[in-house]
Protein backbone atom coordinates (compact mmCIF):
# COMPACT_ATOMS: atom_id res chain seq x y z
CA MET A 1 14.09 -26.21 4.15
CA LYS A 2 11.87 -26.51 1.10
CA ILE A 3 9.91 -23.51 -0.15
CA GLY A 4 6.52 -25.14 0.52
CA LYS A 5 7.47 -25.67 4.16
CA GLN A 6 8.77 -22.08 4.43
CA LYS A 7 5.43 -20.74 3.24
CA THR A 8 3.52 -23.00 5.64
CA LEU A 9 5.63 -21.70 8.54
CA GLY A 10 5.28 -18.09 7.37
CA ILE A 11 8.97 -17.72 6.51
CA GLU A 12 9.81 -15.13 3.85
CA PHE A 13 13.22 -14.20 2.48
CA THR A 14 13.68 -10.71 1.07
CA PRO A 15 15.57 -10.67 -2.23
CA GLU A 16 18.84 -8.70 -2.10
CA LYS A 17 17.69 -6.27 -4.82
CA ILE A 18 14.73 -5.26 -2.67
CA ALA A 19 16.94 -4.97 0.42
CA ASP A 20 19.33 -2.76 -1.59
CA TYR A 21 16.46 -0.51 -2.65
CA ILE A 22 15.12 -0.19 0.90
CA SER A 23 18.66 0.47 2.20
CA LYS A 24 19.07 3.34 -0.25
CA LEU A 25 15.67 4.79 0.69
CA THR A 26 16.42 4.45 4.40
CA ILE A 27 19.96 5.85 4.48
CA GLY A 28 19.81 8.09 1.40
CA ASN A 29 22.74 10.17 0.18
CA GLU A 30 23.53 11.87 3.48
CA TYR A 31 24.48 9.74 6.46
CA SER A 32 24.64 11.77 9.67
CA GLY A 33 25.74 9.14 12.17
CA GLU A 34 22.46 7.65 13.41
CA PHE A 35 22.32 3.95 14.18
CA VAL A 36 20.32 1.41 12.20
CA LEU A 37 18.06 -1.08 13.98
CA ASP A 38 16.64 -4.18 12.34
CA PRO A 39 14.01 -5.41 14.83
CA SER A 40 13.45 -8.63 12.92
CA THR A 41 16.87 -9.62 11.62
CA GLY A 42 15.91 -13.06 10.30
CA SER A 43 18.44 -14.12 7.66
CA GLY A 44 20.32 -10.82 8.00
CA VAL A 45 19.82 -9.67 4.41
CA PHE A 46 18.96 -6.09 5.44
CA MET A 47 21.90 -5.88 7.83
CA ARG A 48 24.32 -7.13 5.16
CA ARG A 49 22.96 -4.83 2.47
CA ILE A 50 22.93 -1.75 4.74
CA LEU A 51 26.47 -2.59 5.84
CA ASN A 52 27.56 -2.74 2.19
CA TYR A 53 25.69 0.47 1.35
CA ILE A 54 27.24 2.49 4.20
CA VAL A 55 30.76 1.15 3.62
CA ARG A 56 30.58 1.74 -0.14
CA ASN A 57 28.94 5.19 -0.08
CA PHE A 58 30.29 6.77 3.09
CA HIS A 59 33.74 5.15 3.22
CA LEU A 60 33.47 3.84 6.78
CA SER A 61 35.24 0.64 7.77
CA PRO A 62 33.06 -2.48 8.01
CA THR A 63 34.28 -3.06 11.57
CA TYR A 64 33.25 0.43 12.63
CA VAL A 65 29.80 0.05 11.05
CA ILE A 66 29.23 -3.36 12.68
CA GLU A 67 30.37 -2.22 16.12
CA ASN A 68 28.77 1.23 16.20
CA ILE A 69 25.91 1.58 13.73
CA LEU A 70 24.11 -1.72 13.08
CA PHE A 71 21.90 -3.29 15.72
CA GLY A 72 19.74 -6.34 15.13
CA VAL A 73 17.26 -8.24 17.24
């Protein structure tokens, strides 16, 4: 889909750098086991970046994070 058409339809894609920044602000340096809900998953950039952030910083397996922590609509 061309960018002009995306704008006409109201489609926006969040750059990964921004999703990384928001992931860090949301989760922070202390993860205490709460789940993460993305109520508007779209392309999945937030889910992917939060998955990477939790796996990298809290040493949980990707499978565990996907099955128990991340929820998208």
